[in-house]
């Protein structure tokens, strides 16, 4: 792509990123105690029914409906406790005291909770009408044997893992974490904690990207800060080729010292450069041998927004996740702010989704939207996504809002 070529639209760039994903991903079998936020490599099938036996949902009395007569008490023939294997003898015209979770006899039609009974000595009177099957948890009511309990390509949450534990499943097959090499370029950069001399700044991009990568479950290879020197950048790229993906910040613009893209064109392949989005126009995508390359802008907000909107879905797909779109929930609301925008680029402005006194959702945009203003992400909870050809937005117009997912919230 030359400087005279039209910019890729944001949608075109995202589609091209997600269209070049390897189809076969490495997997391993791990214990469920290590499986939180891992992505399943195959459907997980239930080996059993849950519940595995009919059991009581209440402390109460097991009854046969044919023996219930209005206001006529039944004697209590025995008690069934949770975990009990041998059930007591149950003569006709009687009921059984039963505890929550205890096995329900096959001939029982219902369990009556004790609060709906009156006890006089060893005889029980039932105070309300009894419905067939009430308060009985039946075999397979929650999960049936052979049912898919977690689909392939799903990120495992604590409820998923609790469900697997309830089925006695101790090991599952998951996709390997993605290996990502990360480095920053720029003579002006210094490590956080170092002293700063005139003209130098801290390398916050590498830290924030490393944290975001770790939150996405990636194995990060941190290659540090690389000077604005083509030979050093080339050597670092060579070292980074062990990874599945290489991410850099800085050096992909058009300045005289922006060498990253030049080196990539020499030893790899640039597949596209520059996108019609704001912030984040100088985003570069390419390949170095088998590694995917994403070059992010050096401005902090530009780096975070391009990572969030373009690299995050690519990583999720490379990691085996099947439902990418649900990670970016969008809906339409009214804006309480007038928004300044020029047609030509999709604009990801930082905003706050709030509810008014009537419970109606509205959005306001942050006052400062510059790509160097890191505070614009600290005090907001969503992106206001303004279409490429849209111009200025008046207060009261509807806009698309995209709530921050856990990567920024």
Protein backbone atom coordinates (compact mmCIF):
# COMPACT_ATOMS: atom_id res chain seq x y z
CA UNK A 1 0.00 0.00 0.00
CA UNK A 2 1.42 3.37 -0.99
CA UNK A 3 0.70 6.72 0.62
CA UNK A 4 -1.68 7.55 -2.23
CA UNK A 5 -3.80 4.41 -1.76
CA UNK A 6 -7.18 4.91 -0.07
CA UNK A 7 -7.26 3.91 3.58
CA UNK A 8 -8.84 0.61 4.50
CA UNK A 9 -12.08 1.08 6.36
CA UNK A 10 -12.18 -0.21 9.92
CA UNK A 11 -14.57 -3.01 8.88
CA UNK A 12 -12.31 -4.06 5.97
CA UNK A 13 -9.24 -4.14 8.22
CA UNK A 14 -10.98 -6.18 10.90
CA UNK A 15 -12.34 -8.63 8.33
CA UNK A 16 -8.88 -9.13 6.82
CA UNK A 17 -7.39 -9.72 10.26
CA UNK A 18 -9.95 -12.35 11.15
CA UNK A 19 -9.82 -14.00 7.73
CA UNK A 20 -6.18 -15.10 8.06
CA UNK A 21 -6.39 -17.23 11.18
CA UNK A 22 -4.73 -20.69 11.21
CA UNK A 23 -7.36 -23.41 11.31
CA UNK A 24 -5.51 -25.91 13.50
CA UNK A 25 -4.64 -24.93 17.07
CA UNK A 26 -2.53 -26.86 19.58
CA UNK A 27 -4.31 -28.39 22.58
CA UNK A 28 -3.50 -30.01 25.90
CA UNK A 29 -5.38 -31.76 28.70
CA UNK A 30 -5.42 -29.96 32.05
CA UNK A 31 -7.12 -30.32 35.43
CA UNK A 32 -10.28 -28.27 35.97
CA UNK A 33 -8.65 -26.40 38.87
CA UNK A 34 -6.33 -24.83 36.24
CA UNK A 35 -9.04 -24.28 33.63
CA UNK A 36 -10.47 -20.88 34.58
CA UNK A 37 -10.62 -18.62 31.47
CA UNK A 38 -9.11 -21.34 29.26
CA UNK A 39 -10.94 -22.11 26.00
CA UNK A 40 -12.38 -25.57 25.42
CA UNK A 41 -10.98 -27.53 22.46
CA UNK A 42 -13.91 -29.96 22.17
CA UNK A 43 -17.49 -30.34 23.32
CA UNK A 44 -17.72 -31.58 26.91
CA UNK A 45 -20.33 -34.33 27.29
CA UNK A 46 -22.08 -35.20 30.53
CA UNK A 47 -21.17 -38.74 31.70
CA UNK A 48 -24.21 -38.90 33.99
CA UNK A 49 -27.66 -37.59 34.83
CA UNK A 50 -27.92 -34.70 37.29
CA UNK A 51 -29.59 -35.32 39.65
CA UNK A 52 -28.53 -38.95 39.46
CA UNK A 53 -31.52 -39.99 41.62
CA UNK A 54 -34.89 -38.50 42.52
CA UNK A 55 -34.42 -36.37 45.63
CA UNK A 56 -36.27 -33.94 47.84
CA UNK A 57 -36.03 -30.19 47.29
CA UNK A 58 -37.33 -29.50 50.82
CA UNK A 59 -37.41 -30.71 54.38
CA UNK A 60 -40.91 -32.19 54.62
CA UNK A 61 -42.93 -35.32 54.05
CA UNK A 62 -43.05 -37.78 51.14
CA UNK A 63 -46.63 -38.77 50.32
CA UNK A 64 -48.71 -40.94 47.99
CA UNK A 65 -51.50 -38.72 46.67
CA UNK A 66 -53.99 -41.57 46.58
CA UNK A 67 -53.81 -41.71 50.37
CA UNK A 68 -54.37 -38.00 51.00
CA UNK A 69 -57.83 -37.07 52.28
CA UNK A 70 -58.88 -33.55 53.27
CA UNK A 71 -57.76 -32.73 56.79
CA UNK A 72 -57.19 -36.42 57.52
CA UNK A 73 -53.80 -36.95 59.20
CA UNK A 74 -51.26 -39.61 58.23
CA UNK A 75 -48.87 -41.32 60.59
CA UNK A 76 -45.12 -40.93 60.09
CA UNK A 77 -43.61 -44.31 59.25
CA UNK A 78 -39.96 -43.28 59.28
CA UNK A 79 -37.35 -40.73 58.21
CA UNK A 80 -35.11 -40.49 55.12
CA UNK A 81 -31.87 -38.56 55.46
CA UNK A 82 -29.57 -37.12 52.78
CA UNK A 83 -27.01 -39.73 51.75
CA UNK A 84 -29.16 -42.61 53.03
CA UNK A 85 -28.99 -45.70 50.82
CA UNK A 86 -31.50 -48.05 52.41
CA UNK A 87 -35.00 -46.59 52.60
CA UNK A 88 -37.37 -47.34 55.50
CA UNK A 89 -40.41 -49.59 55.12
CA UNK A 90 -43.39 -47.51 54.02
CA UNK A 91 -46.74 -49.01 54.97
CA UNK A 92 -50.04 -47.88 53.43
CA UNK A 93 -51.80 -44.77 54.73
CA UNK A 94 -48.64 -43.20 56.11
CA UNK A 95 -46.00 -40.70 55.10
CA UNK A 96 -42.24 -40.49 55.46
CA UNK A 97 -40.30 -37.63 57.02
CA UNK A 98 -37.69 -36.58 54.43
CA UNK A 99 -34.76 -34.16 54.44
CA UNK A 100 -33.49 -31.88 51.64
CA UNK A 101 -31.38 -33.87 49.17
CA UNK A 102 -32.56 -37.24 50.50
CA UNK A 103 -33.64 -39.93 47.99
CA UNK A 104 -37.37 -39.96 47.26
CA UNK A 105 -39.06 -43.42 47.14
CA UNK A 106 -40.31 -44.44 43.70
CA UNK A 107 -43.93 -44.60 44.88
CA UNK A 108 -43.91 -41.05 46.24
CA UNK A 109 -45.99 -38.58 44.21
CA UNK A 110 -44.92 -35.42 46.03
CA UNK A 111 -43.00 -33.92 48.92
CA UNK A 112 -44.92 -31.53 51.17
CA UNK A 113 -42.76 -28.88 52.85
CA UNK A 114 -42.99 -28.99 56.60
CA UNK A 115 -44.29 -25.39 56.78
CA UNK A 116 -47.48 -26.58 55.06
CA UNK A 117 -48.21 -29.28 57.63
CA UNK A 118 -49.37 -29.54 61.22
CA UNK A 119 -47.92 -32.19 63.52
CA UNK A 120 -49.80 -33.74 66.41
CA UNK A 121 -47.74 -36.43 68.12
CA UNK A 122 -46.75 -38.82 65.29
CA UNK A 123 -49.52 -37.77 62.95
CA UNK A 124 -49.29 -35.15 60.18
CA UNK A 125 -52.13 -33.05 58.79
CA UNK A 126 -51.64 -31.40 55.39
CA UNK A 127 -52.91 -27.83 55.34
CA UNK A 128 -52.87 -26.97 51.62
CA UNK A 129 -53.72 -28.73 48.34
CA UNK A 130 -50.85 -30.90 47.10
CA UNK A 131 -49.70 -30.81 43.47
CA UNK A 132 -48.33 -33.95 41.80
CA UNK A 133 -44.48 -34.02 41.69
CA UNK A 134 -44.11 -30.92 43.86
CA UNK A 135 -40.73 -30.48 45.58
CA UNK A 136 -39.19 -33.53 43.88
CA UNK A 137 -35.99 -33.08 41.87
CA UNK A 138 -36.12 -35.80 39.22
CA UNK A 139 -33.30 -37.75 37.58
CA UNK A 140 -31.72 -35.75 34.73
CA UNK A 141 -33.83 -32.66 35.43
CA UNK A 142 -30.73 -30.43 35.45
CA UNK A 143 -28.39 -32.31 33.08
CA UNK A 144 -29.03 -35.46 31.07
CA UNK A 145 -26.40 -38.09 30.39
CA UNK A 146 -24.90 -37.52 26.91
CA UNK A 147 -25.88 -33.83 26.86
CA UNK A 148 -23.31 -31.21 25.78
CA UNK A 149 -22.63 -29.19 28.93
CA UNK A 150 -19.93 -26.88 27.51
CA UNK A 151 -19.44 -26.28 23.80
CA UNK A 152 -16.10 -26.29 22.04
CA UNK A 153 -14.56 -22.84 21.74
CA UNK A 154 -16.05 -21.52 24.99
CA UNK A 155 -14.10 -19.56 27.60
CA UNK A 156 -14.52 -21.34 30.92
CA UNK A 157 -16.04 -19.38 33.79
CA UNK A 158 -16.43 -20.34 37.43
CA UNK A 159 -20.06 -21.53 36.84
CA UNK A 160 -18.81 -23.75 33.96
CA UNK A 161 -16.14 -25.28 36.18
CA UNK A 162 -18.59 -25.81 39.05
CA UNK A 163 -20.88 -27.65 36.63
CA UNK A 164 -18.05 -29.88 35.42
CA UNK A 165 -17.07 -30.63 39.01
CA UNK A 166 -20.67 -31.65 39.76
CA UNK A 167 -20.32 -34.20 36.96
CA UNK A 168 -17.08 -35.59 38.33
CA UNK A 169 -15.11 -34.33 35.31
CA UNK A 170 -11.57 -33.66 36.54
CA UNK A 171 -9.71 -33.05 33.24
CA UNK A 172 -10.60 -31.27 30.02
CA UNK A 173 -8.96 -30.51 26.68
CA UNK A 174 -8.20 -26.83 26.08
CA UNK A 175 -6.33 -24.76 23.52
CA UNK A 176 -2.77 -23.75 24.29
CA UNK A 177 -2.28 -20.13 25.32
CA UNK A 178 -1.12 -17.91 22.49
CA UNK A 179 2.57 -16.96 22.65
CA UNK A 180 2.98 -13.22 21.99
CA UNK A 181 6.28 -11.32 21.68
CA UNK A 182 6.06 -7.66 22.65
CA UNK A 183 8.44 -4.72 22.34
CA UNK A 184 8.41 -0.93 22.09
CA UNK A 185 10.54 1.23 19.82
CA UNK A 186 11.77 4.75 20.42
CA UNK A 187 14.90 6.55 21.65
CA UNK A 188 12.65 8.67 23.87
CA UNK A 189 11.37 5.74 25.92
CA UNK A 190 12.53 4.80 29.41
CA UNK A 191 11.53 1.98 31.73
CA UNK A 192 8.99 2.84 34.39
CA UNK A 193 10.91 3.64 37.58
CA UNK A 194 13.99 5.01 35.79
CA UNK A 195 14.87 8.68 36.08
CA UNK A 196 13.80 10.91 33.21
CA UNK A 197 16.05 13.39 31.46
CA UNK A 198 14.81 16.13 29.15
CA UNK A 199 12.78 14.83 26.20
CA UNK A 200 12.30 11.32 27.63
CA UNK A 201 9.02 9.59 28.57
CA UNK A 202 8.05 6.40 30.36
CA UNK A 203 7.12 3.36 28.26
CA UNK A 204 3.55 2.93 29.45
CA UNK A 205 2.36 1.21 26.26
CA UNK A 206 4.37 -1.95 26.83
CA UNK A 207 3.12 -2.29 30.40
CA UNK A 208 -0.55 -1.78 29.54
CA UNK A 209 -0.35 -4.11 26.53
CA UNK A 210 1.41 -6.77 28.60
CA UNK A 211 -1.36 -6.62 31.19
CA UNK A 212 -4.04 -6.80 28.51
CA UNK A 213 -2.34 -9.78 26.88
CA UNK A 214 -2.11 -11.58 30.21
CA UNK A 215 -5.78 -10.90 30.87
CA UNK A 216 -6.55 -12.53 27.50
CA UNK A 217 -4.63 -15.62 28.64
CA UNK A 218 -1.55 -15.10 26.44
CA UNK A 219 2.00 -16.13 27.26
CA UNK A 220 3.97 -12.89 26.90
CA UNK A 221 7.59 -12.66 25.75
CA UNK A 222 8.67 -9.17 26.82
CA UNK A 223 11.54 -7.98 24.62
CA UNK A 224 11.76 -4.54 26.20
CA UNK A 225 12.54 -1.20 24.56
CA UNK A 226 14.39 -1.15 21.23
CA UNK A 227 16.20 1.96 20.00
CA UNK A 228 15.32 3.70 16.73
CA UNK A 229 17.98 1.75 14.87
CA UNK A 230 17.11 -0.51 11.91
CA UNK A 231 19.71 -3.18 12.77
CA UNK A 232 18.52 -3.45 16.39
CA UNK A 233 14.89 -3.61 15.28
CA UNK A 234 15.73 -6.32 12.74
CA UNK A 235 17.54 -8.39 15.38
CA UNK A 236 14.62 -8.05 17.79
CA UNK A 237 12.18 -9.12 15.09
CA UNK A 238 14.38 -12.19 14.47
CA UNK A 239 14.32 -13.03 18.18
CA UNK A 240 10.54 -12.55 18.24
CA UNK A 241 9.80 -15.03 15.45
CA UNK A 242 9.55 -17.84 18.02
CA UNK A 243 6.13 -16.43 18.96
CA UNK A 244 2.70 -16.94 17.38
CA UNK A 245 2.22 -13.17 17.25
CA UNK A 246 4.49 -10.13 17.44
CA UNK A 247 3.19 -6.79 18.72
CA UNK A 248 5.13 -3.52 18.66
CA UNK A 249 4.26 0.06 19.54
CA UNK A 250 5.76 3.04 17.79
CA UNK A 251 7.75 3.27 14.57
CA UNK A 252 4.85 2.63 12.17
CA UNK A 253 4.07 6.23 11.24
CA UNK A 254 5.78 8.37 8.60
CA UNK A 255 8.50 10.09 10.64
CA UNK A 256 12.15 9.92 9.63
CA UNK A 257 12.96 7.69 12.63
CA UNK A 258 9.97 5.37 12.23
CA UNK A 259 11.87 2.28 11.10
CA UNK A 260 9.64 -0.58 12.26
CA UNK A 261 7.55 -0.76 9.10
CA UNK A 262 10.65 -0.42 6.91
CA UNK A 263 12.32 -3.39 8.61
CA UNK A 264 9.14 -5.44 8.38
CA UNK A 265 8.98 -4.82 4.62
CA UNK A 266 12.61 -6.00 4.36
CA UNK A 267 12.40 -9.28 6.31
CA UNK A 268 8.67 -9.99 6.32
CA UNK A 269 5.50 -8.89 4.61
CA UNK A 270 3.26 -5.89 5.20
CA UNK A 271 -0.31 -6.89 4.38
CA UNK A 272 -1.88 -3.52 5.13
CA UNK A 273 -0.96 -0.20 6.71
CA UNK A 274 -3.15 2.67 7.85
CA UNK A 275 -6.84 2.42 8.65
CA UNK A 276 -9.65 4.94 8.46
CA UNK A 277 -10.17 4.96 12.23
CA UNK A 278 -9.60 7.49 15.00
CA UNK A 279 -7.60 7.10 17.11
CA UNK A 280 -5.24 4.56 15.56
CA UNK A 281 -4.78 5.42 11.88
CA UNK A 282 -1.13 4.17 11.59
CA UNK A 283 -1.89 0.51 12.38
CA UNK A 284 0.22 -2.07 10.52
CA UNK A 285 -0.54 -5.74 9.92
CA UNK A 286 1.79 -8.30 8.38
CA UNK A 287 3.77 -11.53 8.81
CA UNK A 288 7.28 -12.56 9.81
CA UNK A 289 7.72 -16.20 8.82
CA UNK A 290 4.88 -17.98 10.69
CA UNK A 291 4.29 -15.16 13.18
CA UNK A 292 1.46 -12.66 12.76
CA UNK A 293 2.56 -9.06 13.20
CA UNK A 294 0.53 -6.14 14.56
CA UNK A 295 2.21 -2.73 14.72
CA UNK A 296 0.40 -0.30 16.99
CA UNK A 297 0.77 3.48 17.08
CA UNK A 298 2.95 5.06 19.76
CA UNK A 299 0.35 7.37 21.30
CA UNK A 300 -1.05 5.60 24.40
CA UNK A 301 -4.77 5.88 23.62
CA UNK A 302 -4.18 4.98 19.95
CA UNK A 303 -2.26 1.88 21.03
CA UNK A 304 -4.93 0.80 23.51
CA UNK A 305 -7.86 1.44 21.16
CA UNK A 306 -6.29 -0.40 18.21
CA UNK A 307 -5.35 -3.28 20.50
CA UNK A 308 -8.86 -3.41 21.93
CA UNK A 309 -10.74 -3.10 18.65
CA UNK A 310 -8.46 -5.05 16.27
CA UNK A 311 -5.89 -7.15 18.11
CA UNK A 312 -8.21 -8.38 20.86
CA UNK A 313 -10.70 -10.11 18.49
CA UNK A 314 -7.77 -11.58 16.52
CA UNK A 315 -6.25 -13.00 19.71
CA UNK A 316 -9.60 -14.41 20.83
CA UNK A 317 -10.02 -16.16 17.49
CA UNK A 318 -6.41 -17.41 17.47
CA UNK A 319 -7.03 -18.74 20.98
CA UNK A 320 -9.98 -20.83 19.80
CA UNK A 321 -12.95 -18.74 20.96
CA UNK A 322 -15.94 -19.14 18.65
CA UNK A 323 -18.27 -16.33 19.75
CA UNK A 324 -16.24 -13.18 19.17
CA UNK A 325 -19.07 -10.71 18.61
CA UNK A 326 -20.58 -11.06 22.10
CA UNK A 327 -17.31 -9.66 23.49
CA UNK A 328 -18.21 -6.26 21.97
CA UNK A 329 -21.82 -5.49 23.01
CA UNK A 330 -23.30 -2.53 21.12
CA UNK A 331 -26.63 -0.71 21.28
CA UNK A 332 -28.19 2.64 20.41
CA UNK A 333 -28.77 5.42 22.96
CA UNK A 334 -29.20 9.19 22.95
CA UNK A 335 -26.17 11.36 23.51
CA UNK A 336 -26.43 14.20 26.01
CA UNK A 337 -23.30 15.75 24.50
CA UNK A 338 -22.79 17.45 21.18
CA UNK A 339 -19.92 15.59 19.50
CA UNK A 340 -17.42 17.16 17.14
CA UNK A 341 -16.46 14.87 14.24
CA UNK A 342 -15.36 15.12 10.63
CA UNK A 343 -16.44 12.53 8.02
CA UNK A 344 -13.78 10.13 6.77
CA UNK A 345 -12.91 7.85 9.69
CA UNK A 346 -14.71 5.64 12.21
CA UNK A 347 -14.29 7.44 15.51
CA UNK A 348 -14.04 5.60 18.83
CA UNK A 349 -14.74 8.35 21.36
CA UNK A 350 -14.60 7.55 25.04
CA UNK A 351 -17.88 8.07 26.87
CA UNK A 352 -19.98 7.37 29.94
CA UNK A 353 -23.22 5.40 29.73
CA UNK A 354 -25.53 6.60 32.49
CA UNK A 355 -29.16 6.13 33.52
CA UNK A 356 -31.37 9.15 34.17
CA UNK A 357 -33.95 9.35 36.97
CA UNK A 358 -36.46 7.47 34.80
CA UNK A 359 -34.02 4.62 34.17
CA UNK A 360 -33.42 5.60 30.53
CA UNK A 361 -29.85 5.12 29.32
CA UNK A 362 -27.96 8.06 27.81
CA UNK A 363 -24.33 8.70 27.00
CA UNK A 364 -21.95 11.61 27.46
CA UNK A 365 -18.51 11.87 25.87
CA UNK A 366 -15.27 12.70 27.66
CA UNK A 367 -14.18 16.32 27.25
CA UNK A 368 -10.64 15.44 26.15
CA UNK A 369 -10.41 12.92 23.28
CA UNK A 370 -6.74 13.37 22.29
CA UNK A 371 -4.77 10.18 21.64
CA UNK A 372 -2.28 11.18 24.34
CA UNK A 373 -4.91 11.80 27.07
CA UNK A 374 -4.79 8.60 29.13
CA UNK A 375 -7.32 9.97 31.63
CA UNK A 376 -10.04 9.59 28.97
CA UNK A 377 -10.11 5.84 29.68
CA UNK A 378 -9.90 6.15 33.47
CA UNK A 379 -13.23 7.94 33.85
CA UNK A 380 -15.34 6.34 31.12
CA UNK A 381 -17.13 3.02 30.62
CA UNK A 382 -17.80 2.76 26.90
CA UNK A 383 -16.86 3.72 23.37
CA UNK A 384 -19.16 5.97 21.36
CA UNK A 385 -18.71 4.49 17.89
CA UNK A 386 -19.34 7.11 15.21
CA UNK A 387 -19.70 5.88 11.65
CA UNK A 388 -17.06 6.72 9.05
CA UNK A 389 -19.12 9.20 7.02
CA UNK A 390 -20.92 10.74 9.97
CA UNK A 391 -20.19 14.37 10.78
CA UNK A 392 -20.99 16.45 13.81
CA UNK A 393 -23.53 14.97 16.24
CA UNK A 394 -26.05 17.16 18.04
CA UNK A 395 -27.15 16.48 21.61
CA UNK A 396 -30.25 14.27 21.56
CA UNK A 397 -29.22 12.23 18.49
CA UNK A 398 -28.88 8.47 18.73
CA UNK A 399 -25.38 7.02 18.64
CA UNK A 400 -23.87 3.54 18.85
CA UNK A 401 -22.44 2.71 22.26
CA UNK A 402 -20.08 -0.20 22.92
CA UNK A 403 -19.65 -1.04 26.60
CA UNK A 404 -16.11 -1.79 27.72
CA UNK A 405 -15.56 -5.52 28.15
CA UNK A 406 -13.36 -6.80 31.06
CA UNK A 407 -10.19 -5.77 29.21
CA UNK A 408 -10.89 -2.12 30.05
CA UNK A 409 -13.52 -2.27 32.78
